[in-house]
Amino acid sequence: MKKIRRCQACLSYTLEQTHCGLAAKSVHPPPYKLQDRFADYRRKAAGLE
């Protein structure tokens, strides 16, 4: 099953791994786990705290 991706160059959506010669990033959020041991570190690194 293919997932929707977004091209970083032209900001269009695609099902392909590459678009406009660049890698397209996934638009789906990472999975959420209640017992995430590293959530505090990830939020600090992202500047959310």
PDB file of N, CA and C in Angstrom:
ATOM      1  N   MET A   1       0.839  -1.177   0.000  1.00  0.00           N
ATOM      2  CA  MET A   1       0.000   0.000   0.000  1.00  0.00           C
ATOM      3  C   MET A   1       0.885   1.242   0.000  1.00  0.00           C
ATOM      4  N   LYS A   2       0.608   2.143  -0.908  1.00  0.00           N
ATOM      5  CA  LYS A   2       1.381   3.367  -0.983  1.00  0.00           C
ATOM      6  C   LYS A   2       0.798   4.419  -0.050  1.00  0.00           C
ATOM      7  N   LYS A   3       1.668   5.282   0.451  1.00  0.00           N
ATOM      8  CA  LYS A   3       1.237   6.366   1.322  1.00  0.00           C
ATOM      9  C   LYS A   3       1.393   7.698   0.597  1.00  0.00           C
ATOM     10  N   ILE A   4       0.608   8.664   0.987  1.00  0.00           N
ATOM     11  CA  ILE A   4       0.684   9.988   0.389  1.00  0.00           C
ATOM     12  C   ILE A   4       1.955  10.669   0.861  1.00  0.00           C
ATOM     13  N   ARG A   5       2.655  11.309  -0.051  1.00  0.00           N
ATOM     14  CA  ARG A   5       3.877  12.044   0.244  1.00  0.00           C
ATOM     15  C   ARG A   5       3.754  13.450  -0.320  1.00  0.00           C
ATOM     16  N   ARG A   6       4.602  14.359   0.188  1.00  0.00           N
ATOM     17  CA  ARG A   6       4.573  15.745  -0.284  1.00  0.00           C
ATOM     18  C   ARG A   6       5.955  16.131  -0.784  1.00  0.00           C
ATOM     19  N   CYS A   7       5.999  16.693  -1.966  1.00  0.00           N
ATOM     20  CA  CYS A   7       7.245  17.144  -2.568  1.00  0.00           C
ATOM     21  C   CYS A   7       7.724  18.400  -1.839  1.00  0.00           C
ATOM     22  N   GLN A   8       8.997  18.437  -1.475  1.00  0.00           N
ATOM     23  CA  GLN A   8       9.539  19.580  -0.748  1.00  0.00           C
ATOM     24  C   GLN A   8       9.837  20.760  -1.675  1.00  0.00           C
ATOM     25  N   ALA A   9       9.978  20.498  -2.971  1.00  0.00           N
ATOM     26  CA  ALA A   9      10.300  21.559  -3.919  1.00  0.00           C
ATOM     27  C   ALA A   9       9.058  22.335  -4.364  1.00  0.00           C
ATOM     28  N   CYS A  10       8.028  21.609  -4.833  1.00  0.00           N
ATOM     29  CA  CYS A  10       6.855  22.287  -5.390  1.00  0.00           C
ATOM     30  C   CYS A  10       5.628  22.184  -4.485  1.00  0.00           C
ATOM     31  N   LEU A  11       5.744  21.499  -3.345  1.00  0.00           N
ATOM     32  CA  LEU A  11       4.681  21.354  -2.343  1.00  0.00           C
ATOM     33  C   LEU A  11       3.429  20.657  -2.871  1.00  0.00           C
ATOM     34  N   SER A  12       3.581  19.823  -3.908  1.00  0.00           N
ATOM     35  CA  SER A  12       2.445  19.049  -4.404  1.00  0.00           C
ATOM     36  C   SER A  12       2.467  17.664  -3.771  1.00  0.00           C
ATOM     37  N   TYR A  13       1.332  16.998  -3.764  1.00  0.00           N
ATOM     38  CA  TYR A  13       1.205  15.672  -3.168  1.00  0.00           C
ATOM     39  C   TYR A  13       1.404  14.612  -4.239  1.00  0.00           C
ATOM     40  N   THR A  14       1.995  13.494  -3.854  1.00  0.00           N
ATOM     41  CA  THR A  14       2.287  12.421  -4.793  1.00  0.00           C
ATOM     42  C   THR A  14       2.282  11.083  -4.060  1.00  0.00           C
ATOM     43  N   LEU A  15       2.246  10.000  -4.811  1.00  0.00           N
ATOM     44  CA  LEU A  15       2.373   8.663  -4.249  1.00  0.00           C
ATOM     45  C   LEU A  15       3.767   8.091  -4.491  1.00  0.00           C
ATOM     46  N   GLU A  16       4.592   8.799  -5.220  1.00  0.00           N
ATOM     47  CA  GLU A  16       5.931   8.342  -5.573  1.00  0.00           C
ATOM     48  C   GLU A  16       6.942   8.707  -4.487  1.00  0.00           C
ATOM     49  N   GLN A  17       8.082   8.001  -4.480  1.00  0.00           N
ATOM     50  CA  GLN A  17       9.150   8.266  -3.509  1.00  0.00           C
ATOM     51  C   GLN A  17       9.883   9.567  -3.831  1.00  0.00           C
ATOM     52  N   THR A  18      10.028   9.888  -5.111  1.00  0.00           N
ATOM     53  CA  THR A  18      10.714  11.114  -5.533  1.00  0.00           C
ATOM     54  C   THR A  18       9.790  11.915  -6.438  1.00  0.00           C
ATOM     55  N   HIS A  19       9.961  13.239  -6.402  1.00  0.00           N
ATOM     56  CA  HIS A  19       9.177  14.146  -7.242  1.00  0.00           C
ATOM     57  C   HIS A  19      10.028  15.387  -7.435  1.00  0.00           C
ATOM     58  N   CYS A  20      10.100  15.894  -8.621  1.00  0.00           N
ATOM     59  CA  CYS A  20      10.935  17.051  -8.967  1.00  0.00           C
ATOM     60  C   CYS A  20      12.415  16.775  -8.684  1.00  0.00           C
ATOM     61  N   GLY A  21      12.809  15.517  -8.724  1.00  0.00           N
ATOM     62  CA  GLY A  21      14.200  15.161  -8.497  1.00  0.00           C
ATOM     63  C   GLY A  21      14.605  15.106  -7.035  1.00  0.00           C
ATOM     64  N   LEU A  22      13.686  15.363  -6.109  1.00  0.00           N
ATOM     65  CA  LEU A  22      13.977  15.325  -4.676  1.00  0.00           C
ATOM     66  C   LEU A  22      13.137  14.249  -4.008  1.00  0.00           C
ATOM     67  N   ALA A  23      13.578  13.820  -2.843  1.00  0.00           N
ATOM     68  CA  ALA A  23      12.809  12.835  -2.082  1.00  0.00           C
ATOM     69  C   ALA A  23      11.564  13.502  -1.515  1.00  0.00           C
ATOM     70  N   ALA A  24      10.436  12.825  -1.640  1.00  0.00           N
ATOM     71  CA  ALA A  24       9.180  13.336  -1.095  1.00  0.00           C
ATOM     72  C   ALA A  24       9.017  12.820   0.332  1.00  0.00           C
ATOM     73  N   LYS A  25       8.569  13.674   1.239  1.00  0.00           N
ATOM     74  CA  LYS A  25       8.404  13.300   2.641  1.00  0.00           C
ATOM     75  C   LYS A  25       6.975  12.844   2.914  1.00  0.00           C
ATOM     76  N   SER A  26       6.852  11.954   3.880  1.00  0.00           N
ATOM     77  CA  SER A  26       5.542  11.448   4.281  1.00  0.00           C
ATOM     78  C   SER A  26       4.760  12.550   4.997  1.00  0.00           C
ATOM     79  N   VAL A  27       3.455  12.595   4.760  1.00  0.00           N
ATOM     80  CA  VAL A  27       2.611  13.594   5.423  1.00  0.00           C
ATOM     81  C   VAL A  27       1.919  13.009   6.644  1.00  0.00           C
ATOM     82  N   HIS A  28       2.124  11.714   6.903  1.00  0.00           N
ATOM     83  CA  HIS A  28       1.493  11.059   8.034  1.00  0.00           C
ATOM     84  C   HIS A  28       2.315  11.280   9.300  1.00  0.00           C
ATOM     85  N   PRO A  29       1.676  11.520  10.438  1.00  0.00           N
ATOM     86  CA  PRO A  29       2.429  11.706  11.683  1.00  0.00           C
ATOM     87  C   PRO A  29       3.017  10.382  12.150  1.00  0.00           C
ATOM     88  N   PRO A  30       4.072  10.446  12.958  1.00  0.00           N
ATOM     89  CA  PRO A  30       4.626   9.199  13.485  1.00  0.00           C
ATOM     90  C   PRO A  30       3.635   8.534  14.434  1.00  0.00           C
ATOM     91  N   PRO A  31       3.736   7.231  14.649  1.00  0.00           N
ATOM     92  CA  PRO A  31       2.816   6.545  15.545  1.00  0.00           C
ATOM     93  C   PRO A  31       2.945   7.056  16.976  1.00  0.00           C
ATOM     94  N   TYR A  32       1.834   7.107  17.686  1.00  0.00           N
ATOM     95  CA  TYR A  32       1.805   7.601  19.058  1.00  0.00           C
ATOM     96  C   TYR A  32       1.736   6.421  20.015  1.00  0.00           C
ATOM     97  N   LYS A  33       2.576   6.458  21.028  1.00  0.00           N
ATOM     98  CA  LYS A  33       2.581   5.406  22.046  1.00  0.00           C
ATOM     99  C   LYS A  33       2.484   6.064  23.412  1.00  0.00           C
ATOM    100  N   LEU A  34       1.660   5.536  24.275  1.00  0.00           N
ATOM    101  CA  LEU A  34       1.534   6.086  25.619  1.00  0.00           C
ATOM    102  C   LEU A  34       2.805   5.900  26.435  1.00  0.00           C
ATOM    103  N   GLN A  35       3.499   4.799  26.231  1.00  0.00           N
ATOM    104  CA  GLN A  35       4.708   4.514  26.987  1.00  0.00           C
ATOM    105  C   GLN A  35       5.953   4.949  26.208  1.00  0.00           C
ATOM    106  N   ASP A  36       5.931   6.129  25.610  1.00  0.00           N
ATOM    107  CA  ASP A  36       7.062   6.642  24.841  1.00  0.00           C
ATOM    108  C   ASP A  36       8.124   7.164  25.805  1.00  0.00           C
ATOM    109  N   ARG A  37       9.247   6.454  25.893  1.00  0.00           N
ATOM    110  CA  ARG A  37      10.292   6.814  26.848  1.00  0.00           C
ATOM    111  C   ARG A  37      11.036   8.079  26.449  1.00  0.00           C
ATOM    112  N   PHE A  38      11.058   8.428  25.178  1.00  0.00           N
ATOM    113  CA  PHE A  38      11.862   9.529  24.694  1.00  0.00           C
ATOM    114  C   PHE A  38      11.039  10.743  24.267  1.00  0.00           C
ATOM    115  N   ALA A  39       9.781  10.803  24.642  1.00  0.00           N
ATOM    116  CA  ALA A  39       8.901  11.900  24.229  1.00  0.00           C
ATOM    117  C   ALA A  39       9.399  13.247  24.759  1.00  0.00           C
ATOM    118  N   ASP A  40       9.868  13.289  26.003  1.00  0.00           N
ATOM    119  CA  ASP A  40      10.367  14.547  26.566  1.00  0.00           C
ATOM    120  C   ASP A  40      11.563  15.064  25.780  1.00  0.00           C
ATOM    121  N   TYR A  41      12.484  14.178  25.443  1.00  0.00           N
ATOM    122  CA  TYR A  41      13.664  14.591  24.673  1.00  0.00           C
ATOM    123  C   TYR A  41      13.272  15.084  23.283  1.00  0.00           C
ATOM    124  N   ARG A  42      12.307  14.403  22.652  1.00  0.00           N
ATOM    125  CA  ARG A  42      11.880  14.787  21.301  1.00  0.00           C
ATOM    126  C   ARG A  42      11.212  16.168  21.318  1.00  0.00           C
ATOM    127  N   ARG A  43      10.389  16.446  22.336  1.00  0.00           N
ATOM    128  CA  ARG A  43       9.737  17.762  22.426  1.00  0.00           C
ATOM    129  C   ARG A  43      10.763  18.859  22.685  1.00  0.00           C
ATOM    130  N   LYS A  44      11.752  18.590  23.534  1.00  0.00           N
ATOM    131  CA  LYS A  44      12.807  19.579  23.816  1.00  0.00           C
ATOM    132  C   LYS A  44      13.615  19.869  22.561  1.00  0.00           C
ATOM    133  N   ALA A  45      13.942  18.839  21.786  1.00  0.00           N
ATOM    134  CA  ALA A  45      14.709  18.998  20.569  1.00  0.00           C
ATOM    135  C   ALA A  45      13.926  19.791  19.517  1.00  0.00           C
ATOM    136  N   ALA A  46      12.607  19.639  19.506  1.00  0.00           N
ATOM    137  CA  ALA A  46      11.777  20.342  18.534  1.00  0.00           C
ATOM    138  C   ALA A  46      11.441  21.756  19.000  1.00  0.00           C
ATOM    139  N   GLY A  47      11.789  22.100  20.242  1.00  0.00           N
ATOM    140  CA  GLY A  47      11.514  23.438  20.747  1.00  0.00           C
ATOM    141  C   GLY A  47      10.087  23.615  21.190  1.00  0.00           C
ATOM    142  N   LEU A  48       9.403  22.552  21.526  1.00  0.00           N
ATOM    143  CA  LEU A  48       8.003  22.635  21.925  1.00  0.00           C
ATOM    144  C   LEU A  48       7.837  22.839  23.415  1.00  0.00           C
ATOM    145  N   GLU A  49       8.897  22.769  24.181  1.00  0.00           N
ATOM    146  CA  GLU A  49       8.802  22.988  25.635  1.00  0.00           C
ATOM    147  C   GLU A  49       9.604  24.178  26.040  1.00  0.00           C
TER     148      GLU A  49
END
